Amino acid sequence: MDQEGAHMGDAQRLGVDWTQQQWGTIDAAVASEVKRVRVVERMIPTTKVGANDKTVAVDRIDALTRTIDDVTTIPLPEISVRFLLDKQQVQQPELTRALSLARRAASDFARIEDEVLLRGLAFVANAYRPDGRALPRHADIQRGQDRADYDGLAGSARNVAYGPRRQSHQVVNATGGVSDYGHLIVSAVAEAIVILEAAGHMGPYHLILGRDAFIAALTPNAPTLVLPKDQIEPLLASPIRRSPALDAEEGVLVSVGGDPADRVVAVEPTLRFIETTAQDQYRFRVYGVLAMRRKEPEAAVRLLFPP
């Protein structure tokens, strides 16, 4: 059954008096908005698993012994973003307000997804959240009973697959407090590529930068007026990406040859009707189930540009 067919077979949707065409319009809007906002999905390959799967084999590769761990599993977090509609808004034929809130929830979902995939998860105050970030009040993350921290792509690499820590898989270039530090990003990327090659990861490479680092990469170097971006991108397989999921003066360079990391997806972002409240409001959520699987953690290098 295709995704739309699966949606229409969802008994919970029967609680809303929308036609199949109206549900299809909402579903298309959610999918389009998520695709527009996502960053990680554009670079990291996706592996689909069953919609009811709660865990996935870690498939961790030991580069020294050339073995793979297909026994250990990691949970698949469920991300939810909720919103409310009143009865009049639900009954609006064009669904103008429903579409507005569904798109907003989808945008929030995509942002939180990137935070989880890049930063990882932490268990704080009896709840999950992206490591180092607070969740909006209308959002939550479920992950079963596993309370262990979950590494994201830009987290400090533990190098458990690489064995001896001959490289830190982290490059730190202090900026001295200046904002035009693009030349430091160029040298950091070059050093990161050397680190990745030493670990056996020969590319292709993708680069994601936080806000200030991205601005610096697009600021001309005085006095030549050469953009650091123009020196970096010939080394990459795609244009430099920016993501608010990263800290402002942070970046991550990742090698994707041989699929050393993948997005494991059980449920793509989907709109679901939850319930009608006592105040005759309709409660919805955009939710999805997915995780970053770092099969070879040493295939990513974290870049830091502190003042």
C-alpha atoms as a PDB file:
ATOM      1  CA  MET A   1       0.000   0.000   0.000  1.00  0.00           C
ATOM      2  CA  ASP A   2       1.355   3.441  -0.876  1.00  0.00           C
ATOM      3  CA  GLN A   3       1.646   6.196   1.730  1.00  0.00           C
ATOM      4  CA  GLU A   4      -1.598   7.886   0.770  1.00  0.00           C
ATOM      5  CA  GLY A   5      -3.425   4.586   0.912  1.00  0.00           C
ATOM      6  CA  ALA A   6      -1.940   3.903   4.324  1.00  0.00           C
ATOM      7  CA  HIS A   7      -3.108   7.323   5.501  1.00  0.00           C
ATOM      8  CA  MET A   8      -6.659   6.815   4.325  1.00  0.00           C
ATOM      9  CA  GLY A   9      -6.720   3.437   6.041  1.00  0.00           C
ATOM     10  CA  ASP A  10      -5.855   5.072   9.351  1.00  0.00           C
ATOM     11  CA  ALA A  11      -8.982   4.756  11.489  1.00  0.00           C
ATOM     12  CA  GLN A  12      -8.051   7.860  13.451  1.00  0.00           C
ATOM     13  CA  ARG A  13      -8.609   9.975  10.365  1.00  0.00           C
ATOM     14  CA  LEU A  14     -12.268   9.018  10.354  1.00  0.00           C
ATOM     15  CA  GLY A  15     -12.741  11.415  13.270  1.00  0.00           C
ATOM     16  CA  VAL A  16     -12.373  14.361  10.889  1.00  0.00           C
ATOM     17  CA  ASP A  17     -14.979  14.955   8.197  1.00  0.00           C
ATOM     18  CA  TRP A  18     -12.504  15.582   5.393  1.00  0.00           C
ATOM     19  CA  THR A  19     -12.688  14.024   1.961  1.00  0.00           C
ATOM     20  CA  GLN A  20      -9.882  11.940   0.519  1.00  0.00           C
ATOM     21  CA  GLN A  21      -8.997  14.902  -1.695  1.00  0.00           C
ATOM     22  CA  GLN A  22      -8.764  17.232   1.318  1.00  0.00           C
ATOM     23  CA  TRP A  23      -6.556  14.780   3.198  1.00  0.00           C
ATOM     24  CA  GLY A  24      -4.411  14.480   0.086  1.00  0.00           C
ATOM     25  CA  THR A  25      -4.003  18.261  -0.065  1.00  0.00           C
ATOM     26  CA  ILE A  26      -2.918  18.354   3.585  1.00  0.00           C
ATOM     27  CA  ASP A  27      -0.533  15.427   3.128  1.00  0.00           C
ATOM     28  CA  ALA A  28       1.071  17.058   0.090  1.00  0.00           C
ATOM     29  CA  ALA A  29       1.531  20.329   1.981  1.00  0.00           C
ATOM     30  CA  VAL A  30       3.212  18.553   4.910  1.00  0.00           C
ATOM     31  CA  ALA A  31       5.533  16.570   2.652  1.00  0.00           C
ATOM     32  CA  SER A  32       6.473  19.647   0.610  1.00  0.00           C
ATOM     33  CA  GLU A  33       7.259  21.770   3.669  1.00  0.00           C
ATOM     34  CA  VAL A  34       9.348  19.085   5.340  1.00  0.00           C
ATOM     35  CA  LYS A  35      11.351  18.596   2.152  1.00  0.00           C
ATOM     36  CA  ARG A  36      11.900  22.339   1.814  1.00  0.00           C
ATOM     37  CA  VAL A  37      13.255  22.799   5.350  1.00  0.00           C
ATOM     38  CA  ARG A  38      15.271  19.596   5.828  1.00  0.00           C
ATOM     39  CA  VAL A  39      19.060  19.769   5.437  1.00  0.00           C
ATOM     40  CA  VAL A  40      20.532  16.424   6.517  1.00  0.00           C
ATOM     41  CA  GLU A  41      18.237  14.427   4.221  1.00  0.00           C
ATOM     42  CA  ARG A  42      19.802  16.113   1.179  1.00  0.00           C
ATOM     43  CA  MET A  43      23.217  14.603   1.900  1.00  0.00           C
ATOM     44  CA  ILE A  44      22.815  11.447   3.960  1.00  0.00           C
ATOM     45  CA  PRO A  45      21.210   8.378   2.321  1.00  0.00           C
ATOM     46  CA  THR A  46      17.924   7.060   3.688  1.00  0.00           C
ATOM     47  CA  THR A  47      17.156   3.469   4.670  1.00  0.00           C
ATOM     48  CA  LYS A  48      13.479   2.532   5.065  1.00  0.00           C
ATOM     49  CA  VAL A  49      12.392   0.004   7.703  1.00  0.00           C
ATOM     50  CA  GLY A  50       8.975  -1.263   8.789  1.00  0.00           C
ATOM     51  CA  ALA A  51       6.471   1.293  10.061  1.00  0.00           C
ATOM     52  CA  ASN A  52       6.125  -0.627  13.342  1.00  0.00           C
ATOM     53  CA  ASP A  53       9.863  -1.051  13.940  1.00  0.00           C
ATOM     54  CA  LYS A  54      11.035   0.501  17.208  1.00  0.00           C
ATOM     55  CA  THR A  55      14.741  -0.345  16.924  1.00  0.00           C
ATOM     56  CA  VAL A  56      17.325  -0.970  14.220  1.00  0.00           C
ATOM     57  CA  ALA A  57      20.617  -2.863  14.194  1.00  0.00           C
ATOM     58  CA  VAL A  58      23.498  -0.444  14.686  1.00  0.00           C
ATOM     59  CA  ASP A  59      25.555  -2.119  11.911  1.00  0.00           C
ATOM     60  CA  ARG A  60      28.692  -0.629  13.474  1.00  0.00           C
ATOM     61  CA  ILE A  61      31.778  -1.411  11.389  1.00  0.00           C
ATOM     62  CA  ASP A  62      35.116  -2.115  13.064  1.00  0.00           C
ATOM     63  CA  ALA A  63      37.705  -0.747  10.647  1.00  0.00           C
ATOM     64  CA  LEU A  64      40.512  -2.742  12.276  1.00  0.00           C
ATOM     65  CA  THR A  65      38.929  -6.205  12.334  1.00  0.00           C
ATOM     66  CA  ARG A  66      36.674  -5.654   9.291  1.00  0.00           C
ATOM     67  CA  THR A  67      33.644  -6.948  11.163  1.00  0.00           C
ATOM     68  CA  ILE A  68      30.158  -5.515  11.551  1.00  0.00           C
ATOM     69  CA  ASP A  69      27.927  -5.521  14.635  1.00  0.00           C
ATOM     70  CA  ASP A  70      24.426  -6.476  13.509  1.00  0.00           C
ATOM     71  CA  VAL A  71      23.316  -7.582  16.991  1.00  0.00           C
ATOM     72  CA  THR A  72      23.379  -4.345  18.987  1.00  0.00           C
ATOM     73  CA  THR A  73      20.352  -2.141  18.333  1.00  0.00           C
ATOM     74  CA  ILE A  74      19.461   1.513  18.777  1.00  0.00           C
ATOM     75  CA  PRO A  75      15.938   2.870  19.367  1.00  0.00           C
ATOM     76  CA  LEU A  76      14.144   4.880  16.700  1.00  0.00           C
ATOM     77  CA  PRO A  77      12.945   8.169  18.239  1.00  0.00           C
ATOM     78  CA  GLU A  78       9.440   9.426  17.484  1.00  0.00           C
ATOM     79  CA  ILE A  79       9.174  13.188  16.963  1.00  0.00           C
ATOM     80  CA  SER A  80       5.755  14.858  17.313  1.00  0.00           C
ATOM     81  CA  VAL A  81       4.590  18.440  16.741  1.00  0.00           C
ATOM     82  CA  ARG A  82       1.001  19.236  17.778  1.00  0.00           C
ATOM     83  CA  PHE A  83      -1.535  21.887  16.791  1.00  0.00           C
ATOM     84  CA  LEU A  84      -5.229  22.687  17.338  1.00  0.00           C
ATOM     85  CA  LEU A  85      -8.069  23.652  15.008  1.00  0.00           C
ATOM     86  CA  ASP A  86     -11.559  24.739  16.004  1.00  0.00           C
ATOM     87  CA  LYS A  87     -14.664  23.283  14.397  1.00  0.00           C
ATOM     88  CA  GLN A  88     -15.149  26.187  11.998  1.00  0.00           C
ATOM     89  CA  GLN A  89     -11.551  25.919  10.785  1.00  0.00           C
ATOM     90  CA  VAL A  90     -11.928  22.174  10.223  1.00  0.00           C
ATOM     91  CA  GLN A  91     -15.128  22.708   8.225  1.00  0.00           C
ATOM     92  CA  GLN A  92     -13.619  25.372   5.966  1.00  0.00           C
ATOM     93  CA  PRO A  93     -13.810  23.868   2.428  1.00  0.00           C
ATOM     94  CA  GLU A  94     -10.470  25.303   1.283  1.00  0.00           C
ATOM     95  CA  LEU A  95      -8.774  24.293   4.573  1.00  0.00           C
ATOM     96  CA  THR A  96      -6.817  27.553   4.463  1.00  0.00           C
ATOM     97  CA  ARG A  97      -6.143  27.734   8.204  1.00  0.00           C
ATOM     98  CA  ALA A  98      -5.631  23.994   8.528  1.00  0.00           C
ATOM     99  CA  LEU A  99      -3.008  24.165   5.788  1.00  0.00           C
ATOM    100  CA  SER A 100      -1.265  27.086   7.495  1.00  0.00           C
ATOM    101  CA  LEU A 101      -0.930  25.244  10.803  1.00  0.00           C
ATOM    102  CA  ALA A 102      -0.033  21.942   9.150  1.00  0.00           C
ATOM    103  CA  ARG A 103       2.768  23.631   7.207  1.00  0.00           C
ATOM    104  CA  ARG A 104       4.016  25.325  10.364  1.00  0.00           C
ATOM    105  CA  ALA A 105       4.029  22.030  12.251  1.00  0.00           C
ATOM    106  CA  ALA A 106       5.848  20.368   9.340  1.00  0.00           C
ATOM    107  CA  SER A 107       8.473  23.124   9.338  1.00  0.00           C
ATOM    108  CA  ASP A 108       9.001  22.704  13.084  1.00  0.00           C
ATOM    109  CA  PHE A 109       9.232  18.941  12.624  1.00  0.00           C
ATOM    110  CA  ALA A 110      11.933  19.277   9.959  1.00  0.00           C
ATOM    111  CA  ARG A 111      13.942  21.646  12.148  1.00  0.00           C
ATOM    112  CA  ILE A 112      13.716  19.315  15.157  1.00  0.00           C
ATOM    113  CA  GLU A 113      14.581  16.344  12.943  1.00  0.00           C
ATOM    114  CA  ASP A 114      17.801  18.044  11.833  1.00  0.00           C
ATOM    115  CA  GLU A 115      18.616  18.896  15.456  1.00  0.00           C
ATOM    116  CA  VAL A 116      18.193  15.251  16.460  1.00  0.00           C
ATOM    117  CA  LEU A 117      20.170  13.910  13.501  1.00  0.00           C
ATOM    118  CA  LEU A 118      23.001  16.429  13.873  1.00  0.00           C
ATOM    119  CA  ARG A 119      23.166  17.040  17.630  1.00  0.00           C
ATOM    120  CA  GLY A 120      21.871  13.749  18.986  1.00  0.00           C
ATOM    121  CA  LEU A 121      19.500  13.230  21.911  1.00  0.00           C
ATOM    122  CA  ALA A 122      19.866  13.858  25.624  1.00  0.00           C
ATOM    123  CA  PHE A 123      17.533  12.794  28.449  1.00  0.00           C
ATOM    124  CA  VAL A 124      16.943  15.908  30.572  1.00  0.00           C
ATOM    125  CA  ALA A 125      14.317  16.510  33.276  1.00  0.00           C
ATOM    126  CA  ASN A 126      12.607  13.195  32.501  1.00  0.00           C
ATOM    127  CA  ALA A 127      12.202  13.994  28.809  1.00  0.00           C
ATOM    128  CA  TYR A 128      14.137  13.682  25.561  1.00  0.00           C
ATOM    129  CA  ARG A 129      15.373  16.687  23.654  1.00  0.00           C
ATOM    130  CA  PRO A 130      18.030  17.459  21.038  1.00  0.00           C
ATOM    131  CA  ASP A 131      21.375  17.624  22.816  1.00  0.00           C
ATOM    132  CA  GLY A 132      21.905  21.216  23.941  1.00  0.00           C
ATOM    133  CA  ARG A 133      18.557  22.502  22.647  1.00  0.00           C
ATOM    134  CA  ALA A 134      15.136  22.961  24.206  1.00  0.00           C
ATOM    135  CA  LEU A 135      12.022  21.636  22.486  1.00  0.00           C
ATOM    136  CA  PRO A 136       9.057  23.917  21.749  1.00  0.00           C
ATOM    137  CA  ARG A 137       6.161  23.386  24.172  1.00  0.00           C
ATOM    138  CA  HIS A 138       4.035  21.879  21.418  1.00  0.00           C
ATOM    139  CA  ALA A 139       6.624  19.219  20.539  1.00  0.00           C
ATOM    140  CA  ASP A 140       7.929  16.053  22.171  1.00  0.00           C
ATOM    141  CA  ILE A 141      10.245  13.122  21.472  1.00  0.00           C
ATOM    142  CA  GLN A 142       9.567   9.533  22.556  1.00  0.00           C
ATOM    143  CA  ARG A 143      12.253   6.848  22.624  1.00  0.00           C
ATOM    144  CA  GLY A 144      11.018   3.977  24.755  1.00  0.00           C
ATOM    145  CA  GLN A 145      12.871   3.123  27.959  1.00  0.00           C
ATOM    146  CA  ASP A 146      16.405   3.716  26.661  1.00  0.00           C
ATOM    147  CA  ARG A 147      17.872   6.626  28.648  1.00  0.00           C
ATOM    148  CA  ALA A 148      21.332   6.583  27.043  1.00  0.00           C
ATOM    149  CA  ASP A 149      22.517   9.646  25.147  1.00  0.00           C
ATOM    150  CA  TYR A 150      22.258   9.303  21.381  1.00  0.00           C
ATOM    151  CA  ASP A 151      25.036  10.621  19.146  1.00  0.00           C
ATOM    152  CA  GLY A 152      24.245  12.897  16.243  1.00  0.00           C
ATOM    153  CA  LEU A 153      26.300  13.361  13.113  1.00  0.00           C
ATOM    154  CA  ALA A 154      27.992  16.504  14.470  1.00  0.00           C
ATOM    155  CA  GLY A 155      28.500  15.133  17.967  1.00  0.00           C
ATOM    156  CA  SER A 156      31.986  14.535  19.310  1.00  0.00           C
ATOM    157  CA  ALA A 157      33.125  11.426  17.470  1.00  0.00           C
ATOM    158  CA  ARG A 158      33.817   8.560  19.855  1.00  0.00           C
ATOM    159  CA  ASN A 159      35.851   6.686  17.253  1.00  0.00           C
ATOM    160  CA  VAL A 160      34.728   3.327  18.611  1.00  0.00           C
ATOM    161  CA  ALA A 161      34.866   1.895  15.104  1.00  0.00           C
ATOM    162  CA  TYR A 162      38.319   3.270  14.412  1.00  0.00           C
ATOM    163  CA  GLY A 163      40.141   1.780  17.388  1.00  0.00           C
ATOM    164  CA  PRO A 164      43.199   3.756  18.552  1.00  0.00           C
ATOM    165  CA  ARG A 165      42.404   7.463  18.636  1.00  0.00           C
ATOM    166  CA  ARG A 166      45.133   8.571  16.296  1.00  0.00           C
ATOM    167  CA  GLN A 167      42.961  11.479  15.216  1.00  0.00           C
ATOM    168  CA  SER A 168      40.524  13.477  17.303  1.00  0.00           C
ATOM    169  CA  HIS A 169      38.048  13.886  14.424  1.00  0.00           C
ATOM    170  CA  GLN A 170      37.672  17.457  15.566  1.00  0.00           C
ATOM    171  CA  VAL A 171      39.318  20.594  14.189  1.00  0.00           C
ATOM    172  CA  VAL A 172      39.387  23.732  16.347  1.00  0.00           C
ATOM    173  CA  ASN A 173      40.439  27.063  14.795  1.00  0.00           C
ATOM    174  CA  ALA A 174      40.114  30.020  17.173  1.00  0.00           C
ATOM    175  CA  THR A 175      38.915  33.180  15.404  1.00  0.00           C
ATOM    176  CA  GLY A 176      40.317  35.764  17.799  1.00  0.00           C
ATOM    177  CA  GLY A 177      36.859  37.306  18.008  1.00  0.00           C
ATOM    178  CA  VAL A 178      36.756  38.521  14.396  1.00  0.00           C
ATOM    179  CA  SER A 179      33.784  37.815  12.130  1.00  0.00           C
ATOM    180  CA  ASP A 180      35.632  37.491   8.807  1.00  0.00           C
ATOM    181  CA  TYR A 181      37.347  34.201   9.557  1.00  0.00           C
ATOM    182  CA  GLY A 182      36.563  32.472   6.279  1.00  0.00           C
ATOM    183  CA  HIS A 183      40.229  31.619   5.696  1.00  0.00           C
ATOM    184  CA  LEU A 184      40.118  29.589   8.921  1.00  0.00           C
ATOM    185  CA  ILE A 185      37.190  27.592   7.539  1.00  0.00           C
ATOM    186  CA  VAL A 186      39.194  26.850   4.385  1.00  0.00           C
ATOM    187  CA  SER A 187      42.121  25.499   6.397  1.00  0.00           C
ATOM    188  CA  ALA A 188      39.797  23.594   8.755  1.00  0.00           C
ATOM    189  CA  VAL A 189      38.100  21.841   5.833  1.00  0.00           C
ATOM    190  CA  ALA A 190      41.475  20.930   4.337  1.00  0.00           C
ATOM    191  CA  GLU A 191      42.638  19.508   7.668  1.00  0.00           C
ATOM    192  CA  ALA A 192      39.357  17.622   8.102  1.00  0.00           C
ATOM    193  CA  ILE A 193      39.729  16.020   4.670  1.00  0.00           C
ATOM    194  CA  VAL A 194      43.217  14.831   5.638  1.00  0.00           C
ATOM    195  CA  ILE A 195      41.767  13.326   8.841  1.00  0.00           C
ATOM    196  CA  LEU A 196      39.006  11.556   6.906  1.00  0.00           C
ATOM    197  CA  GLU A 197      41.426  10.206   4.324  1.00  0.00           C
ATOM    198  CA  ALA A 198      43.676   8.880   7.101  1.00  0.00           C
ATOM    199  CA  ALA A 199      40.647   6.971   8.405  1.00  0.00           C
ATOM    200  CA  GLY A 200      39.988   5.515   4.947  1.00  0.00           C
ATOM    201  CA  HIS A 201      37.127   7.827   3.945  1.00  0.00           C
ATOM    202  CA  MET A 202      37.976   9.280   0.547  1.00  0.00           C
ATOM    203  CA  GLY A 203      34.751  11.188  -0.100  1.00  0.00           C
ATOM    204  CA  PRO A 204      32.565  12.428  -1.598  1.00  0.00           C
ATOM    205  CA  TYR A 205      32.383  15.137   1.074  1.00  0.00           C
ATOM    206  CA  HIS A 206      29.565  17.386   2.273  1.00  0.00           C
ATOM    207  CA  LEU A 207      29.851  20.402   4.578  1.00  0.00           C
ATOM    208  CA  ILE A 208      27.206  21.849   6.900  1.00  0.00           C
ATOM    209  CA  LEU A 209      27.897  25.096   8.774  1.00  0.00           C
ATOM    210  CA  GLY A 210      26.165  27.002  11.549  1.00  0.00           C
ATOM    211  CA  ARG A 211      24.966  30.594  11.120  1.00  0.00           C
ATOM    212  CA  ASP A 212      28.133  32.623  11.794  1.00  0.00           C
ATOM    213  CA  ALA A 213      30.444  30.133  10.090  1.00  0.00           C
ATOM    214  CA  PHE A 214      28.211  30.164   7.001  1.00  0.00           C
ATOM    215  CA  ILE A 215      28.295  33.970   6.897  1.00  0.00           C
ATOM    216  CA  ALA A 216      32.085  33.916   7.243  1.00  0.00           C
ATOM    217  CA  ALA A 217      32.347  31.445   4.362  1.00  0.00           C
ATOM    218  CA  LEU A 218      30.454  33.917   2.154  1.00  0.00           C
ATOM    219  CA  THR A 219      32.411  36.997   3.285  1.00  0.00           C
ATOM    220  CA  PRO A 220      35.231  37.995   0.891  1.00  0.00           C
ATOM    221  CA  ASN A 221      38.791  37.746   2.126  1.00  0.00           C
ATOM    222  CA  ALA A 222      40.393  41.198   2.209  1.00  0.00           C
ATOM    223  CA  PRO A 223      42.139  42.527   0.226  1.00  0.00           C
ATOM    224  CA  THR A 224      41.674  39.943  -2.568  1.00  0.00           C
ATOM    225  CA  LEU A 225      37.855  39.766  -2.295  1.00  0.00           C
ATOM    226  CA  VAL A 226      38.013  36.003  -2.864  1.00  0.00           C
ATOM    227  CA  LEU A 227      35.100  34.151  -1.286  1.00  0.00           C
ATOM    228  CA  PRO A 228      36.206  31.335   1.055  1.00  0.00           C
ATOM    229  CA  LYS A 229      33.208  29.444  -0.325  1.00  0.00           C
ATOM    230  CA  ASP A 230      34.825  29.422  -3.775  1.00  0.00           C
ATOM    231  CA  GLN A 231      37.949  27.806  -2.338  1.00  0.00           C
ATOM    232  CA  ILE A 232      36.015  25.189  -0.375  1.00  0.00           C
ATOM    233  CA  GLU A 233      33.278  24.001  -2.733  1.00  0.00           C
ATOM    234  CA  PRO A 234      35.602  22.451  -5.369  1.00  0.00           C
ATOM    235  CA  LEU A 235      36.558  19.984  -2.620  1.00  0.00           C
ATOM    236  CA  LEU A 236      32.909  19.055  -1.981  1.00  0.00           C
ATOM    237  CA  ALA A 237      30.238  17.036  -3.760  1.00  0.00           C
ATOM    238  CA  SER A 238      27.560  19.672  -3.108  1.00  0.00           C
ATOM    239  CA  PRO A 239      27.288  23.357  -2.189  1.00  0.00           C
ATOM    240  CA  ILE A 240      27.962  24.333   1.420  1.00  0.00           C
ATOM    241  CA  ARG A 241      24.778  23.921   3.457  1.00  0.00           C
ATOM    242  CA  ARG A 242      23.747  25.906   6.512  1.00  0.00           C
ATOM    243  CA  SER A 243      21.645  24.616   9.375  1.00  0.00           C
ATOM    244  CA  PRO A 244      20.278  26.342  12.488  1.00  0.00           C
ATOM    245  CA  ALA A 245      20.531  22.934  14.153  1.00  0.00           C
ATOM    246  CA  LEU A 246      24.258  23.579  14.595  1.00  0.00           C
ATOM    247  CA  ASP A 247      25.760  26.150  16.920  1.00  0.00           C
ATOM    248  CA  ALA A 248      26.562  29.440  15.204  1.00  0.00           C
ATOM    249  CA  GLU A 249      30.336  28.885  15.009  1.00  0.00           C
ATOM    250  CA  GLU A 250      30.276  25.169  14.295  1.00  0.00           C
ATOM    251  CA  GLY A 251      30.339  22.879  11.287  1.00  0.00           C
ATOM    252  CA  VAL A 252      30.612  19.234  10.292  1.00  0.00           C
ATOM    253  CA  LEU A 253      32.360  17.686   7.306  1.00  0.00           C
ATOM    254  CA  VAL A 254      31.115  14.228   6.406  1.00  0.00           C
ATOM    255  CA  SER A 255      32.254  11.613   3.913  1.00  0.00           C
ATOM    256  CA  VAL A 256      29.396   9.601   2.419  1.00  0.00           C
ATOM    257  CA  GLY A 257      31.285   7.103   0.252  1.00  0.00           C
ATOM    258  CA  GLY A 258      30.255   3.574   1.224  1.00  0.00           C
ATOM    259  CA  ASP A 259      27.299   4.867   3.284  1.00  0.00           C
ATOM    260  CA  PRO A 260      29.122   5.213   6.640  1.00  0.00           C
ATOM    261  CA  ALA A 261      25.971   6.868   8.024  1.00  0.00           C
ATOM    262  CA  ASP A 262      22.315   6.717   7.055  1.00  0.00           C
ATOM    263  CA  ARG A 263      18.932   8.087   8.046  1.00  0.00           C
ATOM    264  CA  VAL A 264      16.866   5.133   9.188  1.00  0.00           C
ATOM    265  CA  VAL A 265      13.182   5.958   8.664  1.00  0.00           C
ATOM    266  CA  ALA A 266      10.266   3.908   9.955  1.00  0.00           C
ATOM    267  CA  VAL A 267       7.607   6.601   9.444  1.00  0.00           C
ATOM    268  CA  GLU A 268       8.032   9.659   7.247  1.00  0.00           C
ATOM    269  CA  PRO A 269       6.444  12.857   8.641  1.00  0.00           C
ATOM    270  CA  THR A 270       2.704  12.238   8.672  1.00  0.00           C
ATOM    271  CA  LEU A 271      -0.338  14.217   9.834  1.00  0.00           C
ATOM    272  CA  ARG A 272      -2.514  12.362  12.305  1.00  0.00           C
ATOM    273  CA  PHE A 273      -5.763  13.344  14.014  1.00  0.00           C
ATOM    274  CA  ILE A 274      -5.531  12.711  17.759  1.00  0.00           C
ATOM    275  CA  GLU A 275      -8.851  13.678  19.368  1.00  0.00           C
ATOM    276  CA  THR A 276     -11.625  16.211  19.786  1.00  0.00           C
ATOM    277  CA  THR A 277     -11.312  18.137  23.049  1.00  0.00           C
ATOM    278  CA  ALA A 278     -14.073  19.070  25.487  1.00  0.00           C
ATOM    279  CA  GLN A 279     -13.948  22.575  23.993  1.00  0.00           C
ATOM    280  CA  ASP A 280     -14.816  21.130  20.560  1.00  0.00           C
ATOM    281  CA  GLN A 281     -11.301  21.662  19.266  1.00  0.00           C
ATOM    282  CA  TYR A 282      -9.537  19.189  17.001  1.00  0.00           C
ATOM    283  CA  ARG A 283      -6.073  18.108  18.076  1.00  0.00           C
ATOM    284  CA  PHE A 284      -3.584  17.034  15.391  1.00  0.00           C
ATOM    285  CA  ARG A 285       0.074  16.141  15.262  1.00  0.00           C
ATOM    286  CA  VAL A 286       2.757  15.820  12.608  1.00  0.00           C
ATOM    287  CA  TYR A 287       4.909  12.889  13.644  1.00  0.00           C
ATOM    288  CA  GLY A 288       7.672  10.718  12.269  1.00  0.00           C
ATOM    289  CA  VAL A 289       9.967   7.925  13.441  1.00  0.00           C
ATOM    290  CA  LEU A 290      13.614   8.051  12.375  1.00  0.00           C
ATOM    291  CA  ALA A 291      17.234   8.066  13.563  1.00  0.00           C
ATOM    292  CA  MET A 292      20.784   8.745  12.455  1.00  0.00           C
ATOM    293  CA  ARG A 293      22.760   5.494  12.283  1.00  0.00           C
ATOM    294  CA  ARG A 294      26.511   6.130  12.447  1.00  0.00           C
ATOM    295  CA  LYS A 295      27.912   2.879  11.143  1.00  0.00           C
ATOM    296  CA  GLU A 296      31.396   4.410  10.932  1.00  0.00           C
ATOM    297  CA  PRO A 297      31.586   7.350  13.357  1.00  0.00           C
ATOM    298  CA  GLU A 298      35.028   8.355  12.099  1.00  0.00           C
ATOM    299  CA  ALA A 299      33.512   9.365   8.731  1.00  0.00           C
ATOM    300  CA  ALA A 300      32.599  12.797  10.146  1.00  0.00           C
ATOM    301  CA  VAL A 301      34.799  15.598  11.483  1.00  0.00           C
ATOM    302  CA  ARG A 302      33.460  18.330  13.724  1.00  0.00           C
ATOM    303  CA  LEU A 303      34.664  21.892  13.006  1.00  0.00           C
ATOM    304  CA  LEU A 304      34.724  24.503  15.788  1.00  0.00           C
ATOM    305  CA  PHE A 305      35.526  28.204  15.461  1.00  0.00           C
ATOM    306  CA  PRO A 306      35.534  29.652  19.009  1.00  0.00           C
ATOM    307  CA  PRO A 307      36.338  33.346  19.627  1.00  0.00           C
END
